[in-house]
Amino acid sequence: MPLLKRLTALAGAAAAATKYAKKNPEKVNRMAAKAGHFVNQRTRGKYSRQIDSAVRRVHTATKPR
């Protein structure tokens, strides 16, 4: 049962994050870009393609429809 509780909590957190991203797309995009830059610096560019791809996905997910 502990696994089910963790999955329920994770689903709730994901729903809250999605709701926040829809309300504040510019803030989410700015923070995603900052986080991507930080991680890229820490990994010395080793995973730059994957990081750029993830940041791009955030930008497309928060575009108004």
PDB file of N, CA and C in Angstrom:
ATOM      1  N   MET A   1       0.795  -1.213   0.000  1.00  0.00           N
ATOM      2  CA  MET A   1       0.000   0.000   0.000  1.00  0.00           C
ATOM      3  C   MET A   1       0.837   1.277   0.000  1.00  0.00           C
ATOM      4  N   PRO A   2       2.041   1.299   0.541  1.00  0.00           N
ATOM      5  CA  PRO A   2       2.805   2.549   0.522  1.00  0.00           C
ATOM      6  C   PRO A   2       3.049   3.043  -0.910  1.00  0.00           C
ATOM      7  N   LEU A   3       3.207   2.127  -1.852  1.00  0.00           N
ATOM      8  CA  LEU A   3       3.421   2.523  -3.239  1.00  0.00           C
ATOM      9  C   LEU A   3       2.205   3.262  -3.777  1.00  0.00           C
ATOM     10  N   LEU A   4       1.030   2.789  -3.470  1.00  0.00           N
ATOM     11  CA  LEU A   4      -0.189   3.431  -3.927  1.00  0.00           C
ATOM     12  C   LEU A   4      -0.311   4.841  -3.352  1.00  0.00           C
ATOM     13  N   LYS A   5       0.070   5.020  -2.108  1.00  0.00           N
ATOM     14  CA  LYS A   5       0.030   6.348  -1.487  1.00  0.00           C
ATOM     15  C   LYS A   5       1.008   7.293  -2.169  1.00  0.00           C
ATOM     16  N   ARG A   6       2.189   6.789  -2.482  1.00  0.00           N
ATOM     17  CA  ARG A   6       3.191   7.630  -3.154  1.00  0.00           C
ATOM     18  C   ARG A   6       2.733   8.022  -4.546  1.00  0.00           C
ATOM     19  N   LEU A   7       2.137   7.075  -5.269  1.00  0.00           N
ATOM     20  CA  LEU A   7       1.636   7.378  -6.608  1.00  0.00           C
ATOM     21  C   LEU A   7       0.504   8.395  -6.562  1.00  0.00           C
ATOM     22  N   THR A   8      -0.350   8.302  -5.572  1.00  0.00           N
ATOM     23  CA  THR A   8      -1.438   9.260  -5.421  1.00  0.00           C
ATOM     24  C   THR A   8      -0.885  10.649  -5.133  1.00  0.00           C
ATOM     25  N   ALA A   9       0.115  10.729  -4.264  1.00  0.00           N
ATOM     26  CA  ALA A   9       0.732  12.018  -3.955  1.00  0.00           C
ATOM     27  C   ALA A   9       1.429  12.598  -5.175  1.00  0.00           C
ATOM     28  N   LEU A  10       2.094  11.750  -5.937  1.00  0.00           N
ATOM     29  CA  LEU A  10       2.773  12.201  -7.149  1.00  0.00           C
ATOM     30  C   LEU A  10       1.774  12.704  -8.185  1.00  0.00           C
ATOM     31  N   ALA A  11       0.667  12.028  -8.330  1.00  0.00           N
ATOM     32  CA  ALA A  11      -0.368  12.454  -9.274  1.00  0.00           C
ATOM     33  C   ALA A  11      -0.947  13.801  -8.852  1.00  0.00           C
ATOM     34  N   GLY A  12      -1.143  13.995  -7.569  1.00  0.00           N
ATOM     35  CA  GLY A  12      -1.635  15.282  -7.067  1.00  0.00           C
ATOM     36  C   GLY A  12      -0.647  16.398  -7.330  1.00  0.00           C
ATOM     37  N   ALA A  13       0.629  16.126  -7.126  1.00  0.00           N
ATOM     38  CA  ALA A  13       1.664  17.130  -7.373  1.00  0.00           C
ATOM     39  C   ALA A  13       1.737  17.472  -8.863  1.00  0.00           C
ATOM     40  N   ALA A  14       1.613  16.469  -9.709  1.00  0.00           N
ATOM     41  CA  ALA A  14       1.651  16.704 -11.157  1.00  0.00           C
ATOM     42  C   ALA A  14       0.454  17.550 -11.593  1.00  0.00           C
ATOM     43  N   ALA A  15      -0.693  17.286 -11.036  1.00  0.00           N
ATOM     44  CA  ALA A  15      -1.875  18.073 -11.376  1.00  0.00           C
ATOM     45  C   ALA A  15      -1.712  19.518 -10.918  1.00  0.00           C
ATOM     46  N   ALA A  16      -1.161  19.715  -9.741  1.00  0.00           N
ATOM     47  CA  ALA A  16      -0.932  21.068  -9.242  1.00  0.00           C
ATOM     48  C   ALA A  16       0.092  21.806 -10.097  1.00  0.00           C
ATOM     49  N   ALA A  17       1.137  21.114 -10.529  1.00  0.00           N
ATOM     50  CA  ALA A  17       2.157  21.737 -11.377  1.00  0.00           C
ATOM     51  C   ALA A  17       1.570  22.119 -12.731  1.00  0.00           C
ATOM     52  N   THR A  18       0.729  21.277 -13.290  1.00  0.00           N
ATOM     53  CA  THR A  18       0.090  21.573 -14.569  1.00  0.00           C
ATOM     54  C   THR A  18      -0.819  22.788 -14.446  1.00  0.00           C
ATOM     55  N   LYS A  19      -1.568  22.850 -13.382  1.00  0.00           N
ATOM     56  CA  LYS A  19      -2.473  23.973 -13.146  1.00  0.00           C
ATOM     57  C   LYS A  19      -1.683  25.278 -13.006  1.00  0.00           C
ATOM     58  N   TYR A  20      -0.577  25.229 -12.274  1.00  0.00           N
ATOM     59  CA  TYR A  20       0.272  26.406 -12.095  1.00  0.00           C
ATOM     60  C   TYR A  20       0.879  26.848 -13.429  1.00  0.00           C
ATOM     61  N   ALA A  21       1.328  25.895 -14.224  1.00  0.00           N
ATOM     62  CA  ALA A  21       1.949  26.217 -15.506  1.00  0.00           C
ATOM     63  C   ALA A  21       0.952  26.878 -16.450  1.00  0.00           C
ATOM     64  N   LYS A  22      -0.298  26.470 -16.394  1.00  0.00           N
ATOM     65  CA  LYS A  22      -1.309  27.074 -17.260  1.00  0.00           C
ATOM     66  C   LYS A  22      -1.642  28.500 -16.820  1.00  0.00           C
ATOM     67  N   LYS A  23      -1.565  28.755 -15.508  1.00  0.00           N
ATOM     68  CA  LYS A  23      -1.861  30.090 -15.000  1.00  0.00           C
ATOM     69  C   LYS A  23      -0.695  31.057 -15.186  1.00  0.00           C
ATOM     70  N   ASN A  24       0.546  30.561 -15.149  1.00  0.00           N
ATOM     71  CA  ASN A  24       1.740  31.409 -15.187  1.00  0.00           C
ATOM     72  C   ASN A  24       2.740  30.925 -16.235  1.00  0.00           C
ATOM     73  N   PRO A  25       2.391  30.930 -17.512  1.00  0.00           N
ATOM     74  CA  PRO A  25       3.294  30.362 -18.524  1.00  0.00           C
ATOM     75  C   PRO A  25       4.619  31.115 -18.651  1.00  0.00           C
ATOM     76  N   GLU A  26       4.592  32.447 -18.553  1.00  0.00           N
ATOM     77  CA  GLU A  26       5.843  33.188 -18.715  1.00  0.00           C
ATOM     78  C   GLU A  26       6.809  32.933 -17.568  1.00  0.00           C
ATOM     79  N   LYS A  27       6.283  32.803 -16.373  1.00  0.00           N
ATOM     80  CA  LYS A  27       7.132  32.510 -15.215  1.00  0.00           C
ATOM     81  C   LYS A  27       7.722  31.103 -15.317  1.00  0.00           C
ATOM     82  N   VAL A  28       6.909  30.156 -15.748  1.00  0.00           N
ATOM     83  CA  VAL A  28       7.369  28.772 -15.901  1.00  0.00           C
ATOM     84  C   VAL A  28       8.448  28.689 -16.980  1.00  0.00           C
ATOM     85  N   ASN A  29       8.241  29.386 -18.088  1.00  0.00           N
ATOM     86  CA  ASN A  29       9.235  29.378 -19.166  1.00  0.00           C
ATOM     87  C   ASN A  29      10.560  29.984 -18.696  1.00  0.00           C
ATOM     88  N   ARG A  30      10.469  31.093 -17.961  1.00  0.00           N
ATOM     89  CA  ARG A  30      11.676  31.746 -17.470  1.00  0.00           C
ATOM     90  C   ARG A  30      12.438  30.834 -16.508  1.00  0.00           C
ATOM     91  N   MET A  31      11.722  30.183 -15.602  1.00  0.00           N
ATOM     92  CA  MET A  31      12.369  29.289 -14.634  1.00  0.00           C
ATOM     93  C   MET A  31      12.938  28.039 -15.314  1.00  0.00           C
ATOM     94  N   ALA A  32      12.252  27.532 -16.332  1.00  0.00           N
ATOM     95  CA  ALA A  32      12.762  26.366 -17.055  1.00  0.00           C
ATOM     96  C   ALA A  32      14.056  26.724 -17.775  1.00  0.00           C
ATOM     97  N   ALA A  33      14.105  27.910 -18.365  1.00  0.00           N
ATOM     98  CA  ALA A  33      15.326  28.346 -19.054  1.00  0.00           C
ATOM     99  C   ALA A  33      16.476  28.510 -18.058  1.00  0.00           C
ATOM    100  N   LYS A  34      16.178  29.093 -16.893  1.00  0.00           N
ATOM    101  CA  LYS A  34      17.203  29.263 -15.858  1.00  0.00           C
ATOM    102  C   LYS A  34      17.712  27.915 -15.366  1.00  0.00           C
ATOM    103  N   ALA A  35      16.786  26.999 -15.116  1.00  0.00           N
ATOM    104  CA  ALA A  35      17.175  25.673 -14.637  1.00  0.00           C
ATOM    105  C   ALA A  35      17.995  24.939 -15.683  1.00  0.00           C
ATOM    106  N   GLY A  36      17.591  25.051 -16.942  1.00  0.00           N
ATOM    107  CA  GLY A  36      18.345  24.412 -18.010  1.00  0.00           C
ATOM    108  C   GLY A  36      19.753  24.961 -18.117  1.00  0.00           C
ATOM    109  N   HIS A  37      19.887  26.275 -17.996  1.00  0.00           N
ATOM    110  CA  HIS A  37      21.209  26.896 -18.049  1.00  0.00           C
ATOM    111  C   HIS A  37      22.081  26.429 -16.881  1.00  0.00           C
ATOM    112  N   PHE A  38      21.478  26.371 -15.684  1.00  0.00           N
ATOM    113  CA  PHE A  38      22.212  25.939 -14.493  1.00  0.00           C
ATOM    114  C   PHE A  38      22.700  24.496 -14.636  1.00  0.00           C
ATOM    115  N   VAL A  39      21.822  23.611 -15.054  1.00  0.00           N
ATOM    116  CA  VAL A  39      22.190  22.199 -15.199  1.00  0.00           C
ATOM    117  C   VAL A  39      23.230  22.034 -16.299  1.00  0.00           C
ATOM    118  N   ASN A  40      23.081  22.802 -17.365  1.00  0.00           N
ATOM    119  CA  ASN A  40      24.045  22.728 -18.454  1.00  0.00           C
ATOM    120  C   ASN A  40      25.432  23.163 -17.985  1.00  0.00           C
ATOM    121  N   GLN A  41      25.492  24.175 -17.144  1.00  0.00           N
ATOM    122  CA  GLN A  41      26.780  24.611 -16.583  1.00  0.00           C
ATOM    123  C   GLN A  41      27.370  23.543 -15.673  1.00  0.00           C
ATOM    124  N   ARG A  42      26.538  22.960 -14.832  1.00  0.00           N
ATOM    125  CA  ARG A  42      27.018  21.970 -13.865  1.00  0.00           C
ATOM    126  C   ARG A  42      27.516  20.700 -14.556  1.00  0.00           C
ATOM    127  N   THR A  43      26.914  20.350 -15.686  1.00  0.00           N
ATOM    128  CA  THR A  43      27.339  19.145 -16.401  1.00  0.00           C
ATOM    129  C   THR A  43      28.362  19.470 -17.481  1.00  0.00           C
ATOM    130  N   ARG A  44      28.754  20.737 -17.543  1.00  0.00           N
ATOM    131  CA  ARG A  44      29.745  21.214 -18.511  1.00  0.00           C
ATOM    132  C   ARG A  44      29.359  20.893 -19.954  1.00  0.00           C
ATOM    133  N   GLY A  45      28.055  21.014 -20.249  1.00  0.00           N
ATOM    134  CA  GLY A  45      27.573  20.832 -21.607  1.00  0.00           C
ATOM    135  C   GLY A  45      27.440  19.394 -22.068  1.00  0.00           C
ATOM    136  N   LYS A  46      27.679  18.449 -21.188  1.00  0.00           N
ATOM    137  CA  LYS A  46      27.644  17.035 -21.574  1.00  0.00           C
ATOM    138  C   LYS A  46      26.253  16.610 -22.061  1.00  0.00           C
ATOM    139  N   TYR A  47      25.217  17.165 -21.453  1.00  0.00           N
ATOM    140  CA  TYR A  47      23.845  16.779 -21.795  1.00  0.00           C
ATOM    141  C   TYR A  47      23.078  17.953 -22.405  1.00  0.00           C
ATOM    142  N   SER A  48      23.757  18.820 -23.108  1.00  0.00           N
ATOM    143  CA  SER A  48      23.119  20.044 -23.602  1.00  0.00           C
ATOM    144  C   SER A  48      21.958  19.758 -24.560  1.00  0.00           C
ATOM    145  N   ARG A  49      22.079  18.741 -25.410  1.00  0.00           N
ATOM    146  CA  ARG A  49      20.971  18.429 -26.325  1.00  0.00           C
ATOM    147  C   ARG A  49      19.727  18.008 -25.566  1.00  0.00           C
ATOM    148  N   GLN A  50      19.890  17.151 -24.565  1.00  0.00           N
ATOM    149  CA  GLN A  50      18.745  16.676 -23.796  1.00  0.00           C
ATOM    150  C   GLN A  50      18.122  17.823 -22.993  1.00  0.00           C
ATOM    151  N   ILE A  51      18.962  18.679 -22.439  1.00  0.00           N
ATOM    152  CA  ILE A  51      18.467  19.803 -21.646  1.00  0.00           C
ATOM    153  C   ILE A  51      17.712  20.781 -22.538  1.00  0.00           C
ATOM    154  N   ASP A  52      18.289  21.109 -23.690  1.00  0.00           N
ATOM    155  CA  ASP A  52      17.617  22.014 -24.627  1.00  0.00           C
ATOM    156  C   ASP A  52      16.285  21.447 -25.093  1.00  0.00           C
ATOM    157  N   SER A  53      16.254  20.151 -25.329  1.00  0.00           N
ATOM    158  CA  SER A  53      15.018  19.505 -25.742  1.00  0.00           C
ATOM    159  C   SER A  53      13.952  19.598 -24.652  1.00  0.00           C
ATOM    160  N   ALA A  54      14.340  19.382 -23.414  1.00  0.00           N
ATOM    161  CA  ALA A  54      13.388  19.463 -22.302  1.00  0.00           C
ATOM    162  C   ALA A  54      12.868  20.884 -22.137  1.00  0.00           C
ATOM    163  N   VAL A  55      13.734  21.877 -22.248  1.00  0.00           N
ATOM    164  CA  VAL A  55      13.308  23.274 -22.127  1.00  0.00           C
ATOM    165  C   VAL A  55      12.371  23.634 -23.273  1.00  0.00           C
ATOM    166  N   ARG A  56      12.666  23.161 -24.480  1.00  0.00           N
ATOM    167  CA  ARG A  56      11.783  23.400 -25.621  1.00  0.00           C
ATOM    168  C   ARG A  56      10.404  22.782 -25.393  1.00  0.00           C
ATOM    169  N   ARG A  57      10.377  21.583 -24.814  1.00  0.00           N
ATOM    170  CA  ARG A  57       9.084  20.930 -24.539  1.00  0.00           C
ATOM    171  C   ARG A  57       8.273  21.724 -23.534  1.00  0.00           C
ATOM    172  N   VAL A  58       8.939  22.308 -22.551  1.00  0.00           N
ATOM    173  CA  VAL A  58       8.228  23.153 -21.584  1.00  0.00           C
ATOM    174  C   VAL A  58       7.644  24.368 -22.299  1.00  0.00           C
ATOM    175  N   HIS A  59       8.429  24.985 -23.174  1.00  0.00           N
ATOM    176  CA  HIS A  59       7.950  26.160 -23.897  1.00  0.00           C
ATOM    177  C   HIS A  59       6.749  25.812 -24.777  1.00  0.00           C
ATOM    178  N   THR A  60       6.780  24.690 -25.456  1.00  0.00           N
ATOM    179  CA  THR A  60       5.646  24.330 -26.304  1.00  0.00           C
ATOM    180  C   THR A  60       4.427  23.915 -25.478  1.00  0.00           C
ATOM    181  N   ALA A  61       4.654  23.332 -24.312  1.00  0.00           N
ATOM    182  CA  ALA A  61       3.538  22.915 -23.473  1.00  0.00           C
ATOM    183  C   ALA A  61       2.812  24.105 -22.842  1.00  0.00           C
ATOM    184  N   THR A  62       3.512  25.212 -22.668  1.00  0.00           N
ATOM    185  CA  THR A  62       2.892  26.375 -22.031  1.00  0.00           C
ATOM    186  C   THR A  62       2.406  27.413 -23.036  1.00  0.00           C
ATOM    187  N   LYS A  63       2.515  27.116 -24.323  1.00  0.00           N
ATOM    188  CA  LYS A  63       2.001  28.036 -25.338  1.00  0.00           C
ATOM    189  C   LYS A  63       0.477  28.116 -25.222  1.00  0.00           C
ATOM    190  N   PRO A  64      -0.069  29.302 -25.413  1.00  0.00           N
ATOM    191  CA  PRO A  64      -1.538  29.396 -25.414  1.00  0.00           C
ATOM    192  C   PRO A  64      -2.102  28.703 -26.649  1.00  0.00           C
ATOM    193  N   ARG A  65      -3.224  28.074 -26.467  1.00  0.00           N
ATOM    194  CA  ARG A  65      -3.835  27.327 -27.588  1.00  0.00           C
ATOM    195  C   ARG A  65      -5.003  28.059 -28.141  1.00  0.00           C
TER     196      ARG A  65
END
